[in-house]
Protein backbone atom coordinates (compact mmCIF):
# COMPACT_ATOMS: atom_id res chain seq x y z
CA MET A 1 -8.68 0.41 -7.26
CA ALA A 2 -7.76 3.91 -8.29
CA GLY A 3 -8.68 3.31 -11.92
CA VAL A 4 -12.27 1.69 -11.10
CA GLN A 5 -12.74 4.19 -8.18
CA THR A 6 -12.13 7.26 -10.77
CA ALA A 7 -14.72 5.71 -13.47
CA VAL A 8 -16.92 4.85 -10.94
CA ALA A 9 -17.00 8.92 -9.73
CA LEU A 10 -16.94 10.15 -12.74
CA ARG A 11 -20.05 8.65 -13.50
CA GLU A 12 -21.52 9.67 -9.67
CA LYS A 13 -20.61 13.41 -10.77
CA GLY A 14 -22.61 13.49 -14.05
CA PHE A 15 -19.95 12.73 -16.52
CA ASP A 16 -21.56 11.60 -19.45
CA GLY A 17 -18.71 11.18 -22.21
CA THR A 18 -16.98 8.38 -23.29
CA ILE A 19 -14.74 6.31 -20.42
CA THR A 20 -12.35 3.73 -21.28
CA LEU A 21 -10.42 1.86 -18.61
CA ILE A 22 -7.18 -0.14 -20.03
CA GLY A 23 -5.02 -2.43 -17.79
CA ALA A 24 -2.22 -4.86 -18.59
CA GLU A 25 -3.87 -7.59 -16.45
CA PRO A 26 -6.17 -9.85 -18.41
CA HIS A 27 -8.56 -10.62 -15.05
CA GLN A 28 -11.63 -8.31 -14.35
CA PRO A 29 -10.64 -5.29 -12.18
CA TYR A 30 -9.76 -6.57 -8.89
CA ASP A 31 -9.35 -5.33 -5.19
CA ARG A 32 -5.89 -6.17 -3.76
CA PRO A 33 -6.23 -6.87 0.35
CA PRO A 34 -7.65 -10.49 0.12
CA LEU A 35 -5.05 -11.53 -1.97
CA SER A 36 -2.80 -11.85 1.05
CA LYS A 37 -5.87 -13.28 3.11
CA ALA A 38 -8.56 -15.24 1.54
CA VAL A 39 -7.68 -15.65 -1.86
CA LEU A 40 -4.27 -17.02 -0.86
CA LEU A 41 -5.49 -19.48 1.87
CA GLY A 42 -7.99 -20.53 -0.76
CA GLU A 43 -11.01 -19.27 0.81
CA ALA A 44 -11.85 -17.07 -2.17
CA GLU A 45 -11.61 -17.73 -5.95
CA GLY A 46 -11.00 -14.08 -6.46
CA SER A 47 -11.72 -10.04 -5.42
CA ALA A 48 -13.26 -8.60 -8.58
CA PHE A 49 -14.97 -5.44 -7.57
CA ASN A 50 -19.00 -5.51 -7.50
CA VAL A 51 -18.78 -2.84 -10.15
CA ASP A 52 -21.26 -3.18 -13.28
CA PHE A 53 -19.26 -1.66 -16.00
CA GLU A 54 -21.57 -2.10 -18.61
CA GLU A 55 -24.25 -0.47 -16.57
CA LEU A 56 -21.92 2.30 -16.11
CA ALA A 57 -20.89 2.33 -19.46
CA VAL A 58 -17.24 2.28 -18.92
CA GLU A 59 -15.75 0.57 -21.50
CA LEU A 60 -12.64 -2.09 -20.20
CA ARG A 61 -9.60 -3.00 -22.53
CA LEU A 62 -8.30 -5.90 -20.17
CA GLY A 63 -5.00 -7.58 -21.65
CA CYS A 64 -3.59 -4.15 -23.15
CA GLU A 65 -0.14 -2.86 -21.99
CA VAL A 66 -0.01 1.17 -22.18
CA THR A 67 3.69 1.33 -23.26
CA GLY A 68 4.29 5.40 -23.37
CA VAL A 69 2.31 8.68 -23.73
CA ARG A 70 2.59 11.46 -26.13
CA PRO A 71 0.76 14.30 -24.53
CA ASP A 72 1.13 16.80 -26.96
CA ALA A 73 -0.78 14.71 -29.19
CA HIS A 74 -3.23 13.59 -26.68
CA LEU A 75 -2.26 9.81 -27.49
CA LEU A 76 -1.39 6.69 -25.53
CA ASP A 77 0.53 4.49 -27.34
CA THR A 78 -0.65 0.57 -26.78
CA ALA A 79 0.20 -2.77 -27.40
CA ASP A 80 -2.76 -3.06 -29.83
CA GLY A 81 -2.05 0.53 -31.37
CA PRO A 82 -2.70 4.02 -30.25
CA VAL A 83 -5.69 5.39 -28.36
CA GLY A 84 -6.45 9.12 -28.21
CA TYR A 85 -7.90 10.74 -24.99
CA ASP A 86 -9.46 14.14 -24.34
CA VAL A 87 -8.57 13.79 -20.48
CA LEU A 88 -5.98 10.97 -19.40
CA VAL A 89 -5.84 9.54 -15.31
CA ILE A 90 -3.06 7.46 -14.24
CA ALA A 91 -3.50 4.75 -12.29
CA THR A 92 -0.77 2.55 -12.67
CA GLY A 93 0.08 1.76 -9.37
CA ALA A 94 3.06 0.27 -7.43
CA GLU A 95 5.15 -2.62 -8.58
CA PRO A 96 7.32 -4.60 -6.28
CA LEU A 97 11.04 -4.81 -6.01
CA ARG A 98 12.43 -7.50 -6.95
CA LEU A 99 15.35 -9.51 -4.74
CA PRO A 100 18.58 -9.07 -6.98
CA GLY A 101 20.07 -12.30 -8.54
CA ALA A 102 16.69 -14.14 -7.50
CA GLU A 103 15.39 -13.89 -10.78
CA GLY A 104 14.25 -16.93 -12.69
CA VAL A 105 15.10 -19.15 -9.86
CA PRO A 106 12.59 -21.56 -9.39
CA GLY A 107 10.51 -21.30 -6.56
CA VAL A 108 10.97 -17.51 -6.01
CA HIS A 109 7.60 -15.47 -5.63
CA LEU A 110 6.39 -12.03 -5.51
CA LEU A 111 3.14 -11.41 -3.94
CA ARG A 112 1.16 -8.37 -5.75
CA THR A 113 -1.45 -9.61 -8.18
CA LEU A 114 -4.00 -12.38 -8.14
CA ASP A 115 -1.67 -14.20 -10.73
CA ASP A 116 0.83 -14.04 -8.05
CA ALA A 117 -1.83 -15.28 -5.41
CA GLU A 118 -2.96 -18.64 -7.58
CA ARG A 119 0.95 -19.52 -7.61
CA LEU A 120 1.12 -19.11 -3.95
CA ARG A 121 -2.02 -21.20 -3.07
CA PRO A 122 -0.86 -24.59 -4.23
CA VAL A 123 2.64 -23.91 -2.02
CA LEU A 124 0.61 -22.94 1.10
CA ALA A 125 -1.54 -25.91 0.60
CA GLU A 126 1.27 -28.46 0.45
CA LYS A 127 2.95 -26.86 3.68
CA HIS A 128 6.51 -26.27 1.85
CA ASP A 129 9.17 -24.86 4.01
CA ILE A 130 9.02 -21.15 3.11
CA VAL A 131 11.41 -18.36 3.24
CA VAL A 132 9.92 -14.71 3.39
CA VAL A 133 12.54 -11.96 2.40
CA GLY A 134 11.48 -8.60 4.09
CA ALA A 135 9.88 -8.13 7.62
CA GLY A 136 7.62 -5.21 6.17
CA TRP A 137 3.50 -5.16 5.78
CA ILE A 138 3.50 -7.72 3.12
CA GLY A 139 6.12 -9.74 4.58
CA ALA A 140 4.40 -9.98 8.05
CA GLU A 141 0.59 -10.66 6.07
CA PHE A 142 2.40 -13.66 4.17
CA ALA A 143 4.09 -15.16 7.06
CA THR A 144 0.56 -14.90 8.98
CA ALA A 145 -1.30 -16.79 5.91
CA ALA A 146 1.59 -19.58 5.78
CA ARG A 147 1.51 -19.97 9.36
CA ALA A 148 -2.51 -20.21 9.18
CA ALA A 149 -1.51 -23.00 6.64
CA GLY A 150 0.61 -24.94 8.57
CA CYS A 151 3.61 -23.85 6.68
CA SER A 152 7.33 -23.40 8.49
CA VAL A 153 7.95 -20.06 8.08
CA ALA A 154 11.62 -18.29 8.39
CA VAL A 155 11.44 -14.30 7.60
CA VAL A 156 14.50 -12.77 7.16
CA GLU A 157 15.18 -9.09 7.48
CA ALA A 158 18.00 -7.27 6.86
CA ALA A 159 17.61 -3.93 9.11
CA GLU A 160 17.74 -4.59 12.95
CA ARG A 161 13.62 -4.90 13.44
CA PRO A 162 10.49 -5.35 11.60
CA LEU A 163 9.23 -2.35 9.57
CA ALA A 164 12.58 -0.61 10.23
CA GLY A 165 11.71 2.08 7.18
CA VAL A 166 8.27 2.93 8.17
CA LEU A 167 8.31 2.82 12.28
CA PRO A 168 10.69 4.07 14.84
CA ALA A 169 12.29 1.38 16.71
CA GLU A 170 10.49 1.75 19.95
CA VAL A 171 7.36 1.07 18.55
CA ALA A 172 8.79 -1.75 15.89
CA ALA A 173 10.67 -3.72 18.22
CA PRO A 174 7.62 -4.91 20.25
CA MET A 175 6.26 -6.57 16.91
CA ALA A 176 9.15 -8.50 16.73
CA ASP A 177 7.82 -10.81 19.34
CA TRP A 178 4.69 -11.66 17.45
CA TYR A 179 6.46 -13.87 14.81
CA ALA A 180 7.73 -16.29 17.33
CA GLU A 181 4.49 -16.30 19.09
CA SER A 182 2.97 -17.50 15.73
CA GLY A 183 5.53 -20.18 15.29
CA ALA A 184 7.15 -17.96 12.46
CA SER A 185 11.76 -17.41 13.15
CA LEU A 186 12.56 -13.97 12.39
CA ARG A 187 16.23 -13.69 11.45
CA THR A 188 17.31 -9.48 11.61
CA HIS A 189 20.46 -8.44 10.81
CA ALA A 190 20.23 -10.77 7.66
CA ARG A 191 20.98 -10.22 4.35
CA VAL A 192 20.65 -12.61 1.46
CA ALA A 193 23.75 -13.85 -0.27
CA ARG A 194 22.01 -15.73 -3.22
CA VAL A 195 19.03 -18.00 -3.74
CA GLU A 196 19.45 -21.18 -5.03
CA PRO A 197 16.64 -23.97 -5.96
CA GLY A 198 15.59 -25.29 -2.62
CA ALA A 199 17.53 -22.65 -0.24
CA VAL A 200 18.29 -19.11 0.44
CA VAL A 201 22.21 -18.64 1.73
CA LEU A 202 22.33 -15.59 3.92
CA ASP A 203 25.76 -13.73 3.86
CA ASP A 204 26.97 -15.33 6.82
CA GLY A 205 27.02 -18.67 5.07
CA THR A 206 23.52 -19.83 6.87
CA ARG A 207 21.44 -21.99 4.43
CA LEU A 208 17.73 -22.24 4.62
CA ALA A 209 15.62 -24.46 3.44
CA ALA A 210 13.30 -23.29 1.41
CA GLY A 211 10.61 -24.97 -0.80
CA ALA A 212 9.50 -21.56 -1.55
CA VAL A 213 10.64 -17.93 -1.15
CA VAL A 214 8.33 -15.10 -0.88
CA VAL A 215 10.20 -11.56 -1.83
CA GLY A 216 8.38 -8.67 -0.03
CA ILE A 217 11.08 -6.02 0.09
CA GLY A 218 9.01 -3.01 -0.99
CA ALA A 219 7.59 -1.63 -3.96
CA ARG A 220 7.85 1.63 -6.29
CA PRO A 221 5.44 3.39 -8.17
CA ALA A 222 4.81 1.64 -11.68
CA THR A 223 5.97 4.68 -14.12
CA ASP A 224 9.07 3.35 -16.12
CA TRP A 225 6.77 3.62 -19.00
CA LEU A 226 6.47 7.37 -18.44
CA THR A 227 10.44 8.13 -19.25
CA GLY A 228 10.79 10.62 -21.99
CA SER A 229 7.09 11.68 -21.68
CA ALA A 230 7.47 15.33 -20.38
CA ILE A 231 5.49 14.21 -17.35
CA GLU A 232 7.44 15.00 -14.26
CA LEU A 233 8.90 12.04 -12.15
CA GLY A 234 10.26 12.65 -8.63
CA PRO A 235 13.55 11.23 -7.36
CA ASP A 236 11.40 8.37 -6.14
CA GLY A 237 10.29 7.47 -9.37
CA ALA A 238 6.38 8.91 -8.59
CA ILE A 239 4.32 11.32 -10.53
CA VAL A 240 4.63 14.82 -9.23
CA ALA A 241 1.49 15.77 -9.00
CA ASP A 242 0.08 19.03 -7.68
CA ASP A 243 -2.83 19.43 -4.80
CA ALA A 244 -5.26 18.99 -7.62
CA LEU A 245 -3.55 15.90 -8.56
CA ARG A 246 -2.75 17.69 -11.81
CA THR A 247 0.52 16.24 -13.50
CA SER A 248 3.02 18.70 -15.04
CA VAL A 249 1.06 18.59 -18.49
CA PRO A 250 -2.26 19.67 -19.76
CA ASP A 251 -5.31 17.35 -19.21
CA VAL A 252 -3.60 14.46 -17.56
CA TYR A 253 -4.14 13.55 -14.21
CA ALA A 254 -2.32 11.18 -11.34
CA VAL A 255 -3.95 9.17 -8.37
CA GLY A 256 -2.98 6.17 -6.04
CA ASP A 257 0.28 4.56 -5.58
CA CYS A 258 2.16 5.94 -8.65
CA ALA A 259 1.51 9.62 -7.90
CA SER A 260 2.93 12.00 -4.89
CA PHE A 261 1.13 14.96 -3.87
CA PRO A 262 1.66 17.80 -1.43
CA SER A 263 0.08 17.88 1.50
CA GLY A 264 -0.36 21.24 3.51
CA ARG A 265 -1.47 19.19 6.43
CA PHE A 266 1.67 17.87 6.98
CA GLY A 267 4.05 20.40 4.97
CA GLN A 268 5.76 18.10 3.04
CA ARG A 269 4.95 16.09 -0.40
CA LEU A 270 3.46 12.29 0.35
CA LEU A 271 3.96 9.26 -1.45
CA VAL A 272 1.45 7.12 -0.03
CA HIS A 273 1.00 3.13 -1.00
CA HIS A 274 -2.15 2.03 0.66
CA TRP A 275 -5.79 1.16 -0.42
CA ASP A 276 -7.47 4.04 1.07
CA ASN A 277 -5.33 6.71 -1.12
CA ALA A 278 -6.49 4.71 -4.19
CA LEU A 279 -9.82 4.82 -2.85
CA GLN A 280 -9.95 8.59 -1.71
CA GLY A 281 -8.31 10.55 -4.51
CA PRO A 282 -10.43 9.20 -7.40
CA ARG A 283 -12.93 11.61 -6.09
CA THR A 284 -10.65 14.41 -6.19
CA VAL A 285 -9.85 13.89 -9.67
CA ALA A 286 -13.44 13.24 -10.82
CA ALA A 287 -14.48 16.48 -9.14
CA ASN A 288 -11.50 18.57 -10.99
CA ILE A 289 -12.36 16.81 -14.22
CA THR A 290 -16.14 17.57 -14.10
CA GLY A 291 -14.95 21.31 -13.52
CA ALA A 292 -15.15 21.73 -9.75
CA ALA A 293 -14.35 26.02 -9.27
CA PRO A 294 -11.84 26.65 -7.44
CA PRO A 295 -10.12 22.91 -7.99
CA GLU A 296 -10.56 20.67 -5.20
CA VAL A 297 -7.73 20.14 -3.01
CA TYR A 298 -6.63 16.22 -2.55
CA ASP A 299 -4.99 16.80 1.47
CA PRO A 300 -6.50 13.54 3.08
CA VAL A 301 -5.35 12.16 6.49
CA PRO A 302 -3.36 9.07 4.96
CA TYR A 303 -5.02 5.61 6.43
CA PHE A 304 -4.16 2.04 6.09
CA TRP A 305 -4.86 -1.44 8.13
CA SER A 306 -2.73 -4.75 8.42
CA GLU A 307 -4.10 -7.85 9.18
CA GLN A 308 -1.06 -9.88 10.95
CA PHE A 309 -0.26 -12.43 13.60
CA GLY A 310 -3.92 -12.30 14.93
CA ARG A 311 -4.00 -8.66 15.15
CA PHE A 312 -5.53 -5.51 13.72
CA VAL A 313 -3.14 -2.89 13.38
CA GLN A 314 -4.30 0.29 12.06
CA TYR A 315 -2.74 3.75 11.42
CA ALA A 316 -3.82 6.98 10.67
CA GLY A 317 -1.66 10.48 9.66
CA HIS A 318 2.20 10.76 9.19
CA HIS A 319 4.73 10.63 11.95
CA GLY A 320 7.16 12.52 10.26
CA GLY A 321 8.35 16.00 11.96
CA ALA A 322 5.98 15.10 15.40
CA ASP A 323 8.10 15.87 18.40
CA THR A 324 6.46 13.64 21.09
CA LEU A 325 5.37 10.35 21.06
CA VAL A 326 2.88 8.88 24.15
CA TRP A 327 1.98 5.52 24.45
CA ARG A 328 -1.55 4.69 25.29
CA GLY A 329 -0.99 1.06 27.34
CA SER A 330 1.82 -1.45 26.98
CA PRO A 331 3.03 -2.85 23.73
CA GLN A 332 3.45 -6.37 26.13
CA ASP A 333 -0.78 -6.03 26.49
CA ALA A 334 -3.34 -7.32 23.79
CA ALA A 335 -4.08 -4.22 22.60
CA TRP A 336 -1.90 -0.93 22.70
CA THR A 337 -1.82 2.84 20.87
CA VAL A 338 0.82 5.29 20.07
CA CYS A 339 0.16 8.81 19.40
CA TRP A 340 2.50 11.18 17.96
CA LEU A 341 2.01 15.07 18.56
CA ARG A 342 3.88 17.71 16.95
CA ALA A 343 3.37 21.24 18.72
CA GLY A 344 0.26 19.64 20.74
CA ALA A 345 -1.44 18.82 17.75
CA LEU A 346 -1.84 15.07 16.89
CA VAL A 347 -0.10 14.17 13.71
CA ALA A 348 -0.37 10.31 13.58
CA VAL A 349 -1.64 7.38 15.46
CA LEU A 350 -0.74 3.80 15.42
CA ALA A 351 -3.66 1.54 16.96
CA VAL A 352 -3.11 -2.19 17.53
CA GLY A 353 -6.52 -3.87 18.81
CA ARG A 354 -8.34 -0.43 19.55
CA PRO A 355 -10.14 0.66 17.00
CA ARG A 356 -12.01 3.32 18.65
CA ASP A 357 -8.61 5.14 19.18
CA LEU A 358 -7.99 4.99 15.62
CA ALA A 359 -11.45 6.33 14.44
CA GLN A 360 -11.32 9.05 17.05
CA GLY A 361 -7.45 9.91 16.49
CA ARG A 362 -8.41 10.21 12.81
CA ARG A 363 -10.83 12.80 13.29
CA LEU A 364 -8.71 14.86 15.60
CA ILE A 365 -5.82 14.53 13.25
CA ALA A 366 -8.23 16.02 10.73
CA SER A 367 -9.14 18.81 12.40
CA GLY A 368 -5.80 19.96 13.78
CA ALA A 369 -6.93 20.18 17.77
CA ARG A 370 -4.37 20.37 20.04
CA LEU A 371 -4.00 17.82 23.09
CA ASP A 372 -3.34 17.06 26.75
CA ALA A 373 -0.61 14.64 26.44
CA GLU A 374 -1.03 13.26 30.11
CA ARG A 375 -4.54 12.58 29.20
CA VAL A 376 -3.56 11.22 25.97
CA ALA A 377 -1.06 8.58 28.01
CA ASP A 378 -4.06 7.28 29.92
CA PRO A 379 -6.14 4.42 27.58
CA SER A 380 -9.24 4.95 29.82
CA VAL A 381 -9.64 8.01 28.82
CA PRO A 382 -10.94 8.55 24.89
CA LEU A 383 -9.16 10.10 22.43
CA LYS A 384 -11.56 12.77 22.04
CA SER A 385 -12.12 13.93 25.48
CA THR A 386 -8.17 14.90 25.84
CA THR A 387 -8.69 17.86 23.57
CA LEU A 388 -7.29 21.27 24.99
C-alpha cells in the first residue's frame, strides 16, 4: 500500500521523472485487508490494486529482493544487481513475528501475504481443527473467518485477555466473550511449550489437536536489511523518520509500517502498523519530494478498523497519556464506544458498531476540542455536540 500510494501521489503532484517500484513478492501489488476475509474464504481470487502502472509510467520490478542500501553512493543492492536512485522511499512494511520452535513444523502458518492466504484457503475449506496462537487483531480476524468456514477453533493467548498489549483491561476484557459467542474457545494465561505435527502442547501439559496452527503474535518493521547502512533505526526496529518522513540520511524517506515519526499532536513518537497510515503517509512524502515549502509535516490522527465476530470495530487517535476513560453505552450491548480524554480533550475513540461516533470523534481529535465528559457518557448525545 505505502509503496504504490507513493508512486500514485508523486504523479498526482506532477512529478514527471522516472519512478521504479521494487518488491520482493512476484505478484502484482495488492491490498492486505482482504487477505483475512474474502481471499481467505475463497470469495475473491486476489486483491490487486486497481492501478494502471503502465499509464502512470511506473516501472515494476517484481520478485526482486533488496538486500542493502549504500546512501553515499545513492545505490540499492538487489538480487538482480545494484540500482541507482536520486530519491529513495523505503516502504518495506512489517513482517510477522514467528513462534520459537515452530518453524519448519508441518501445518504451521502465518497470515501476512497473498501466498500465506492461498496456503490457508484449503485448510479452511477442509474444515481442519485449528489452533490460533495470539488473540490480537489478526488472531481474532482469522478465528472469525475459520468459524465462518465451519472449522473448530481454539485460540491461545499468553496474556490474561485479548489485545492485552493494545487496550486497557476494562476495554479489552468484554471482547473475550465474543470468542465463545462465535463458538471458538479462548484460553488465556496459556503459553505454547511446543508445536508438534497435529498438536499444540501448552506449558501446563494440555494438548490441543491441530490440523493447522496459525501464528498471530505480532509484527516488527521489516528493516533488517538496513543494518549497517547509516539509516537510523530505533530500539523497536523502525526507521527513525522526522516529521516530514525523512530519514537520517539525505534523499531517503520512509513511510508506512517500517517507520516511526514524531507526533506533535500526541507528544511522542508513533509506530503505526495500520492500513490508513500506509495510505496517508505517501501524500506527505510525495509533497516533500516535489518541493513543498516549508516541508509538509506528517501528524495524522491514526485510524484502523477490524471486522471480527460479527462486529465492526474502529479506533482513532492514541490513548497513551489519557487521564480519563468514558464509556458510551455498555459493553454488553451490541454497540458501544469508549472515549479517552486528556485534560478534557478527546485523544482516542474506540467504536464497536457505532461508526458515527468514530467519524465525529476523529474530527474532534484533529481539532483538539475540549469536551464535557458527562455529555460524552450519554450515548444519545452526538459526540460533536459535547464540546465545551
